[in-house]
Amino acid sequence: MLTGKYDTDSCIELIFVTNPGTHTHGNKLKICQDHVHYNLRKYFFANGVICTWNSLPNSVIEANSVNSFKNRIDKYWNNF
């Protein structure tokens, strides 16, 4: 039942984990994905982008500004 109140159980909490090793794919700021208990949360935007974020290289993630990030991610995706 919806009460209009903020329900913390239905929210996704993004937890960034630093990965000091360079032997894995992706970047050093990975997002941990919790197990989803409700089908509603399974289709949230955050769950859809976690795998994509984790696969980005450090050169894209370590951008100094939003515009720099946009330019780097465009260049990275165009190289596929």
PDB file of N, CA and C in Angstrom:
ATOM      1  N   MET A   1       0.838  -1.176   0.000  1.00  0.00           N
ATOM      2  CA  MET A   1       0.000   0.000   0.000  1.00  0.00           C
ATOM      3  C   MET A   1       0.885   1.242   0.000  1.00  0.00           C
ATOM      4  N   LEU A   2       0.581   2.181  -0.859  1.00  0.00           N
ATOM      5  CA  LEU A   2       1.342   3.415  -0.943  1.00  0.00           C
ATOM      6  C   LEU A   2       0.823   4.421   0.066  1.00  0.00           C
ATOM      7  N   THR A   3       1.727   4.941   0.869  1.00  0.00           N
ATOM      8  CA  THR A   3       1.337   5.913   1.880  1.00  0.00           C
ATOM      9  C   THR A   3       1.857   7.305   1.564  1.00  0.00           C
ATOM     10  N   GLY A   4       2.706   7.431   0.533  1.00  0.00           N
ATOM     11  CA  GLY A   4       3.290   8.719   0.201  1.00  0.00           C
ATOM     12  C   GLY A   4       4.527   9.029   1.012  1.00  0.00           C
ATOM     13  N   LYS A   5       4.910   8.118   1.897  1.00  0.00           N
ATOM     14  CA  LYS A   5       6.099   8.310   2.721  1.00  0.00           C
ATOM     15  C   LYS A   5       7.298   7.653   2.047  1.00  0.00           C
ATOM     16  N   TYR A   6       8.473   8.131   2.375  1.00  0.00           N
ATOM     17  CA  TYR A   6       9.721   7.589   1.841  1.00  0.00           C
ATOM     18  C   TYR A   6       9.943   6.201   2.410  1.00  0.00           C
ATOM     19  N   ASP A   7      10.040   5.216   1.546  1.00  0.00           N
ATOM     20  CA  ASP A   7      10.222   3.830   1.968  1.00  0.00           C
ATOM     21  C   ASP A   7      11.656   3.402   1.660  1.00  0.00           C
ATOM     22  N   THR A   8      12.492   3.287   2.687  1.00  0.00           N
ATOM     23  CA  THR A   8      13.898   2.942   2.474  1.00  0.00           C
ATOM     24  C   THR A   8      14.071   1.505   1.995  1.00  0.00           C
ATOM     25  N   ASP A   9      13.121   0.633   2.250  1.00  0.00           N
ATOM     26  CA  ASP A   9      13.243  -0.752   1.813  1.00  0.00           C
ATOM     27  C   ASP A   9      13.131  -0.891   0.297  1.00  0.00           C
ATOM     28  N   SER A  10      12.453   0.044  -0.353  1.00  0.00           N
ATOM     29  CA  SER A  10      12.270  -0.066  -1.792  1.00  0.00           C
ATOM     30  C   SER A  10      13.313   0.713  -2.580  1.00  0.00           C
ATOM     31  N   CYS A  11      14.259   1.348  -1.901  1.00  0.00           N
ATOM     32  CA  CYS A  11      15.282   2.155  -2.567  1.00  0.00           C
ATOM     33  C   CYS A  11      16.546   1.333  -2.780  1.00  0.00           C
ATOM     34  N   ILE A  12      17.271   1.700  -3.822  1.00  0.00           N
ATOM     35  CA  ILE A  12      18.538   1.060  -4.117  1.00  0.00           C
ATOM     36  C   ILE A  12      19.652   1.935  -3.563  1.00  0.00           C
ATOM     37  N   GLU A  13      20.543   1.326  -2.826  1.00  0.00           N
ATOM     38  CA  GLU A  13      21.676   2.050  -2.278  1.00  0.00           C
ATOM     39  C   GLU A  13      22.903   1.688  -3.108  1.00  0.00           C
ATOM     40  N   LEU A  14      23.525   2.684  -3.735  1.00  0.00           N
ATOM     41  CA  LEU A  14      24.712   2.449  -4.540  1.00  0.00           C
ATOM     42  C   LEU A  14      25.936   2.504  -3.646  1.00  0.00           C
ATOM     43  N   ILE A  15      26.707   1.447  -3.652  1.00  0.00           N
ATOM     44  CA  ILE A  15      27.899   1.368  -2.840  1.00  0.00           C
ATOM     45  C   ILE A  15      29.095   1.238  -3.777  1.00  0.00           C
ATOM     46  N   PHE A  16      29.958   2.257  -3.757  1.00  0.00           N
ATOM     47  CA  PHE A  16      31.159   2.224  -4.576  1.00  0.00           C
ATOM     48  C   PHE A  16      32.248   1.484  -3.818  1.00  0.00           C
ATOM     49  N   VAL A  17      32.912   0.574  -4.500  1.00  0.00           N
ATOM     50  CA  VAL A  17      33.992  -0.202  -3.913  1.00  0.00           C
ATOM     51  C   VAL A  17      35.244   0.080  -4.726  1.00  0.00           C
ATOM     52  N   THR A  18      36.312   0.473  -4.059  1.00  0.00           N
ATOM     53  CA  THR A  18      37.564   0.710  -4.776  1.00  0.00           C
ATOM     54  C   THR A  18      38.279  -0.606  -4.986  1.00  0.00           C
ATOM     55  N   ASN A  19      38.789  -0.770  -6.177  1.00  0.00           N
ATOM     56  CA  ASN A  19      39.490  -1.986  -6.548  1.00  0.00           C
ATOM     57  C   ASN A  19      40.940  -1.625  -6.847  1.00  0.00           C
ATOM     58  N   PRO A  20      41.859  -1.873  -5.918  1.00  0.00           N
ATOM     59  CA  PRO A  20      43.241  -1.461  -6.130  1.00  0.00           C
ATOM     60  C   PRO A  20      43.957  -2.261  -7.212  1.00  0.00           C
ATOM     61  N   GLY A  21      43.488  -3.461  -7.505  1.00  0.00           N
ATOM     62  CA  GLY A  21      44.146  -4.287  -8.513  1.00  0.00           C
ATOM     63  C   GLY A  21      43.841  -3.824  -9.920  1.00  0.00           C
ATOM     64  N   THR A  22      44.775  -4.007 -10.810  1.00  0.00           N
ATOM     65  CA  THR A  22      44.575  -3.608 -12.198  1.00  0.00           C
ATOM     66  C   THR A  22      44.334  -4.814 -13.093  1.00  0.00           C
ATOM     67  N   HIS A  23      44.202  -5.989 -12.511  1.00  0.00           N
ATOM     68  CA  HIS A  23      44.059  -7.203 -13.294  1.00  0.00           C
ATOM     69  C   HIS A  23      42.612  -7.489 -13.699  1.00  0.00           C
ATOM     70  N   THR A  24      41.671  -6.711 -13.244  1.00  0.00           N
ATOM     71  CA  THR A  24      40.277  -6.943 -13.592  1.00  0.00           C
ATOM     72  C   THR A  24      39.834  -5.981 -14.682  1.00  0.00           C
ATOM     73  N   HIS A  25      38.765  -6.317 -15.349  1.00  0.00           N
ATOM     74  CA  HIS A  25      38.207  -5.446 -16.371  1.00  0.00           C
ATOM     75  C   HIS A  25      37.487  -4.281 -15.710  1.00  0.00           C
ATOM     76  N   GLY A  26      37.377  -3.196 -16.430  1.00  0.00           N
ATOM     77  CA  GLY A  26      36.621  -2.062 -15.932  1.00  0.00           C
ATOM     78  C   GLY A  26      37.462  -1.094 -15.132  1.00  0.00           C
ATOM     79  N   ASN A  27      36.801  -0.344 -14.284  1.00  0.00           N
ATOM     80  CA  ASN A  27      37.464   0.732 -13.553  1.00  0.00           C
ATOM     81  C   ASN A  27      37.703   0.369 -12.098  1.00  0.00           C
ATOM     82  N   LYS A  28      38.341   1.301 -11.376  1.00  0.00           N
ATOM     83  CA  LYS A  28      38.648   1.029  -9.968  1.00  0.00           C
ATOM     84  C   LYS A  28      37.533   1.479  -9.031  1.00  0.00           C
ATOM     85  N   LEU A  29      36.487   2.145  -9.540  1.00  0.00           N
ATOM     86  CA  LEU A  29      35.340   2.545  -8.722  1.00  0.00           C
ATOM     87  C   LEU A  29      34.116   1.740  -9.126  1.00  0.00           C
ATOM     88  N   LYS A  30      34.083   0.505  -8.750  1.00  0.00           N
ATOM     89  CA  LYS A  30      32.975  -0.380  -9.095  1.00  0.00           C
ATOM     90  C   LYS A  30      31.800  -0.131  -8.163  1.00  0.00           C
ATOM     91  N   ILE A  31      30.597  -0.393  -8.681  1.00  0.00           N
ATOM     92  CA  ILE A  31      29.383  -0.301  -7.870  1.00  0.00           C
ATOM     93  C   ILE A  31      28.939  -1.715  -7.543  1.00  0.00           C
ATOM     94  N   CYS A  32      28.741  -1.994  -6.262  1.00  0.00           N
ATOM     95  CA  CYS A  32      28.239  -3.304  -5.845  1.00  0.00           C
ATOM     96  C   CYS A  32      26.737  -3.348  -6.050  1.00  0.00           C
ATOM     97  N   GLN A  33      26.264  -4.442  -6.578  1.00  0.00           N
ATOM     98  CA  GLN A  33      24.839  -4.594  -6.814  1.00  0.00           C
ATOM     99  C   GLN A  33      24.277  -5.570  -5.794  1.00  0.00           C
ATOM    100  N   ASP A  34      23.351  -5.062  -4.990  1.00  0.00           N
ATOM    101  CA  ASP A  34      22.711  -5.910  -3.990  1.00  0.00           C
ATOM    102  C   ASP A  34      21.711  -6.839  -4.655  1.00  0.00           C
ATOM    103  N   HIS A  35      21.414  -7.921  -3.950  1.00  0.00           N
ATOM    104  CA  HIS A  35      20.379  -8.831  -4.427  1.00  0.00           C
ATOM    105  C   HIS A  35      19.030  -8.125  -4.347  1.00  0.00           C
ATOM    106  N   VAL A  36      18.237  -8.236  -5.393  1.00  0.00           N
ATOM    107  CA  VAL A  36      16.949  -7.557  -5.461  1.00  0.00           C
ATOM    108  C   VAL A  36      15.859  -8.498  -4.969  1.00  0.00           C
ATOM    109  N   HIS A  37      15.078  -8.024  -4.001  1.00  0.00           N
ATOM    110  CA  HIS A  37      14.032  -8.853  -3.413  1.00  0.00           C
ATOM    111  C   HIS A  37      12.672  -8.633  -4.074  1.00  0.00           C
ATOM    112  N   TYR A  38      12.471  -7.473  -4.685  1.00  0.00           N
ATOM    113  CA  TYR A  38      11.195  -7.160  -5.295  1.00  0.00           C
ATOM    114  C   TYR A  38      11.371  -7.026  -6.799  1.00  0.00           C
ATOM    115  N   ASN A  39      10.400  -7.517  -7.572  1.00  0.00           N
ATOM    116  CA  ASN A  39      10.472  -7.389  -9.023  1.00  0.00           C
ATOM    117  C   ASN A  39      10.482  -5.930  -9.454  1.00  0.00           C
ATOM    118  N   LEU A  40       9.835  -5.064  -8.685  1.00  0.00           N
ATOM    119  CA  LEU A  40       9.796  -3.651  -9.012  1.00  0.00           C
ATOM    120  C   LEU A  40      11.198  -3.058  -9.036  1.00  0.00           C
ATOM    121  N   ARG A  41      12.020  -3.392  -8.071  1.00  0.00           N
ATOM    122  CA  ARG A  41      13.374  -2.848  -7.989  1.00  0.00           C
ATOM    123  C   ARG A  41      14.288  -3.405  -9.073  1.00  0.00           C
ATOM    124  N   LYS A  42      13.951  -4.581  -9.603  1.00  0.00           N
ATOM    125  CA  LYS A  42      14.772  -5.210 -10.617  1.00  0.00           C
ATOM    126  C   LYS A  42      14.893  -4.349 -11.873  1.00  0.00           C
ATOM    127  N   TYR A  43      13.882  -3.552 -12.153  1.00  0.00           N
ATOM    128  CA  TYR A  43      13.847  -2.775 -13.375  1.00  0.00           C
ATOM    129  C   TYR A  43      14.132  -1.288 -13.149  1.00  0.00           C
ATOM    130  N   PHE A  44      14.627  -0.915 -11.984  1.00  0.00           N
ATOM    131  CA  PHE A  44      14.998   0.474 -11.725  1.00  0.00           C
ATOM    132  C   PHE A  44      16.162   0.858 -12.628  1.00  0.00           C
ATOM    133  N   PHE A  45      16.281   2.144 -12.898  1.00  0.00           N
ATOM    134  CA  PHE A  45      17.338   2.662 -13.750  1.00  0.00           C
ATOM    135  C   PHE A  45      18.721   2.291 -13.218  1.00  0.00           C
ATOM    136  N   ALA A  46      18.910   2.391 -11.922  1.00  0.00           N
ATOM    137  CA  ALA A  46      20.224   2.118 -11.335  1.00  0.00           C
ATOM    138  C   ALA A  46      20.661   0.684 -11.602  1.00  0.00           C
ATOM    139  N   ASN A  47      19.768  -0.261 -11.511  1.00  0.00           N
ATOM    140  CA  ASN A  47      20.134  -1.646 -11.779  1.00  0.00           C
ATOM    141  C   ASN A  47      20.509  -1.857 -13.232  1.00  0.00           C
ATOM    142  N   GLY A  48      19.932  -1.076 -14.123  1.00  0.00           N
ATOM    143  CA  GLY A  48      20.242  -1.218 -15.533  1.00  0.00           C
ATOM    144  C   GLY A  48      21.589  -0.661 -15.934  1.00  0.00           C
ATOM    145  N   VAL A  49      22.127   0.273 -15.175  1.00  0.00           N
ATOM    146  CA  VAL A  49      23.380   0.917 -15.563  1.00  0.00           C
ATOM    147  C   VAL A  49      24.595   0.440 -14.763  1.00  0.00           C
ATOM    148  N   ILE A  50      24.394  -0.381 -13.754  1.00  0.00           N
ATOM    149  CA  ILE A  50      25.511  -0.815 -12.922  1.00  0.00           C
ATOM    150  C   ILE A  50      26.532  -1.604 -13.736  1.00  0.00           C
ATOM    151  N   CYS A  51      26.099  -2.534 -14.564  1.00  0.00           N
ATOM    152  CA  CYS A  51      27.035  -3.327 -15.372  1.00  0.00           C
ATOM    153  C   CYS A  51      27.779  -2.443 -16.368  1.00  0.00           C
ATOM    154  N   THR A  52      27.079  -1.484 -16.949  1.00  0.00           N
ATOM    155  CA  THR A  52      27.720  -0.575 -17.900  1.00  0.00           C
ATOM    156  C   THR A  52      28.763   0.278 -17.198  1.00  0.00           C
ATOM    157  N   TRP A  53      28.431   0.829 -16.033  1.00  0.00           N
ATOM    158  CA  TRP A  53      29.375   1.658 -15.271  1.00  0.00           C
ATOM    159  C   TRP A  53      30.614   0.845 -14.899  1.00  0.00           C
ATOM    160  N   ASN A  54      30.406  -0.379 -14.410  1.00  0.00           N
ATOM    161  CA  ASN A  54      31.527  -1.203 -13.977  1.00  0.00           C
ATOM    162  C   ASN A  54      32.446  -1.599 -15.125  1.00  0.00           C
ATOM    163  N   SER A  55      31.953  -1.584 -16.350  1.00  0.00           N
ATOM    164  CA  SER A  55      32.779  -1.982 -17.494  1.00  0.00           C
ATOM    165  C   SER A  55      33.568  -0.818 -18.092  1.00  0.00           C
ATOM    166  N   LEU A  56      33.295   0.418 -17.666  1.00  0.00           N
ATOM    167  CA  LEU A  56      34.016   1.571 -18.204  1.00  0.00           C
ATOM    168  C   LEU A  56      35.455   1.583 -17.697  1.00  0.00           C
ATOM    169  N   PRO A  57      36.406   2.018 -18.537  1.00  0.00           N
ATOM    170  CA  PRO A  57      37.804   2.075 -18.104  1.00  0.00           C
ATOM    171  C   PRO A  57      38.066   3.278 -17.195  1.00  0.00           C
ATOM    172  N   ASN A  58      39.186   3.223 -16.488  1.00  0.00           N
ATOM    173  CA  ASN A  58      39.564   4.311 -15.582  1.00  0.00           C
ATOM    174  C   ASN A  58      39.716   5.633 -16.308  1.00  0.00           C
ATOM    175  N   SER A  59      40.159   5.611 -17.542  1.00  0.00           N
ATOM    176  CA  SER A  59      40.371   6.859 -18.278  1.00  0.00           C
ATOM    177  C   SER A  59      39.068   7.629 -18.460  1.00  0.00           C
ATOM    178  N   VAL A  60      37.951   6.946 -18.512  1.00  0.00           N
ATOM    179  CA  VAL A  60      36.648   7.618 -18.626  1.00  0.00           C
ATOM    180  C   VAL A  60      36.159   8.067 -17.260  1.00  0.00           C
ATOM    181  N   ILE A  61      36.269   7.221 -16.273  1.00  0.00           N
ATOM    182  CA  ILE A  61      35.742   7.484 -14.932  1.00  0.00           C
ATOM    183  C   ILE A  61      36.465   8.636 -14.249  1.00  0.00           C
ATOM    184  N   GLU A  62      37.756   8.780 -14.489  1.00  0.00           N
ATOM    185  CA  GLU A  62      38.549   9.783 -13.790  1.00  0.00           C
ATOM    186  C   GLU A  62      38.518  11.156 -14.452  1.00  0.00           C
ATOM    187  N   ALA A  63      37.457  11.472 -15.166  1.00  0.00           N
ATOM    188  CA  ALA A  63      37.319  12.783 -15.811  1.00  0.00           C
ATOM    189  C   ALA A  63      37.179  13.871 -14.744  1.00  0.00           C
ATOM    190  N   ASN A  64      37.685  15.066 -15.055  1.00  0.00           N
ATOM    191  CA  ASN A  64      37.661  16.173 -14.095  1.00  0.00           C
ATOM    192  C   ASN A  64      36.349  16.937 -14.084  1.00  0.00           C
ATOM    193  N   SER A  65      35.572  16.844 -15.153  1.00  0.00           N
ATOM    194  CA  SER A  65      34.315  17.589 -15.229  1.00  0.00           C
ATOM    195  C   SER A  65      33.284  16.750 -15.973  1.00  0.00           C
ATOM    196  N   VAL A  66      32.050  17.190 -15.932  1.00  0.00           N
ATOM    197  CA  VAL A  66      30.967  16.476 -16.610  1.00  0.00           C
ATOM    198  C   VAL A  66      31.187  16.487 -18.116  1.00  0.00           C
ATOM    199  N   ASN A  67      31.580  17.639 -18.661  1.00  0.00           N
ATOM    200  CA  ASN A  67      31.819  17.728 -20.099  1.00  0.00           C
ATOM    201  C   ASN A  67      32.979  16.836 -20.525  1.00  0.00           C
ATOM    202  N   SER A  68      34.006  16.783 -19.717  1.00  0.00           N
ATOM    203  CA  SER A  68      35.120  15.897 -20.010  1.00  0.00           C
ATOM    204  C   SER A  68      34.674  14.437 -19.976  1.00  0.00           C
ATOM    205  N   PHE A  69      33.840  14.087 -19.002  1.00  0.00           N
ATOM    206  CA  PHE A  69      33.298  12.732 -18.919  1.00  0.00           C
ATOM    207  C   PHE A  69      32.475  12.408 -20.161  1.00  0.00           C
ATOM    208  N   LYS A  70      31.624  13.339 -20.589  1.00  0.00           N
ATOM    209  CA  LYS A  70      30.805  13.105 -21.781  1.00  0.00           C
ATOM    210  C   LYS A  70      31.672  12.888 -23.017  1.00  0.00           C
ATOM    211  N   ASN A  71      32.693  13.712 -23.180  1.00  0.00           N
ATOM    212  CA  ASN A  71      33.576  13.575 -24.332  1.00  0.00           C
ATOM    213  C   ASN A  71      34.330  12.248 -24.312  1.00  0.00           C
ATOM    214  N   ARG A  72      34.805  11.870 -23.134  1.00  0.00           N
ATOM    215  CA  ARG A  72      35.555  10.615 -23.021  1.00  0.00           C
ATOM    216  C   ARG A  72      34.673   9.401 -23.257  1.00  0.00           C
ATOM    217  N   ILE A  73      33.455   9.426 -22.734  1.00  0.00           N
ATOM    218  CA  ILE A  73      32.569   8.273 -22.913  1.00  0.00           C
ATOM    219  C   ILE A  73      32.103   8.171 -24.369  1.00  0.00           C
ATOM    220  N   ASP A  74      31.895   9.303 -25.025  1.00  0.00           N
ATOM    221  CA  ASP A  74      31.555   9.284 -26.453  1.00  0.00           C
ATOM    222  C   ASP A  74      32.698   8.676 -27.258  1.00  0.00           C
ATOM    223  N   LYS A  75      33.926   9.101 -26.959  1.00  0.00           N
ATOM    224  CA  LYS A  75      35.099   8.582 -27.676  1.00  0.00           C
ATOM    225  C   LYS A  75      35.262   7.094 -27.408  1.00  0.00           C
ATOM    226  N   TYR A  76      35.037   6.669 -26.153  1.00  0.00           N
ATOM    227  CA  TYR A  76      35.176   5.248 -25.805  1.00  0.00           C
ATOM    228  C   TYR A  76      34.130   4.406 -26.523  1.00  0.00           C
ATOM    229  N   TRP A  77      32.866   4.849 -26.532  1.00  0.00           N
ATOM    230  CA  TRP A  77      31.810   4.080 -27.182  1.00  0.00           C
ATOM    231  C   TRP A  77      31.929   4.089 -28.703  1.00  0.00           C
ATOM    232  N   ASN A  78      32.497   5.138 -29.289  1.00  0.00           N
ATOM    233  CA  ASN A  78      32.684   5.175 -30.735  1.00  0.00           C
ATOM    234  C   ASN A  78      33.791   4.234 -31.207  1.00  0.00           C
ATOM    235  N   ASN A  79      34.673   3.847 -30.308  1.00  0.00           N
ATOM    236  CA  ASN A  79      35.760   2.925 -30.661  1.00  0.00           C
ATOM    237  C   ASN A  79      35.330   1.469 -30.686  1.00  0.00           C
ATOM    238  N   PHE A  80      34.109   1.177 -30.306  1.00  0.00           N
ATOM    239  CA  PHE A  80      33.640  -0.216 -30.328  1.00  0.00           C
ATOM    240  C   PHE A  80      33.369  -0.653 -31.710  1.00  0.00           C
TER     241      PHE A  80
END
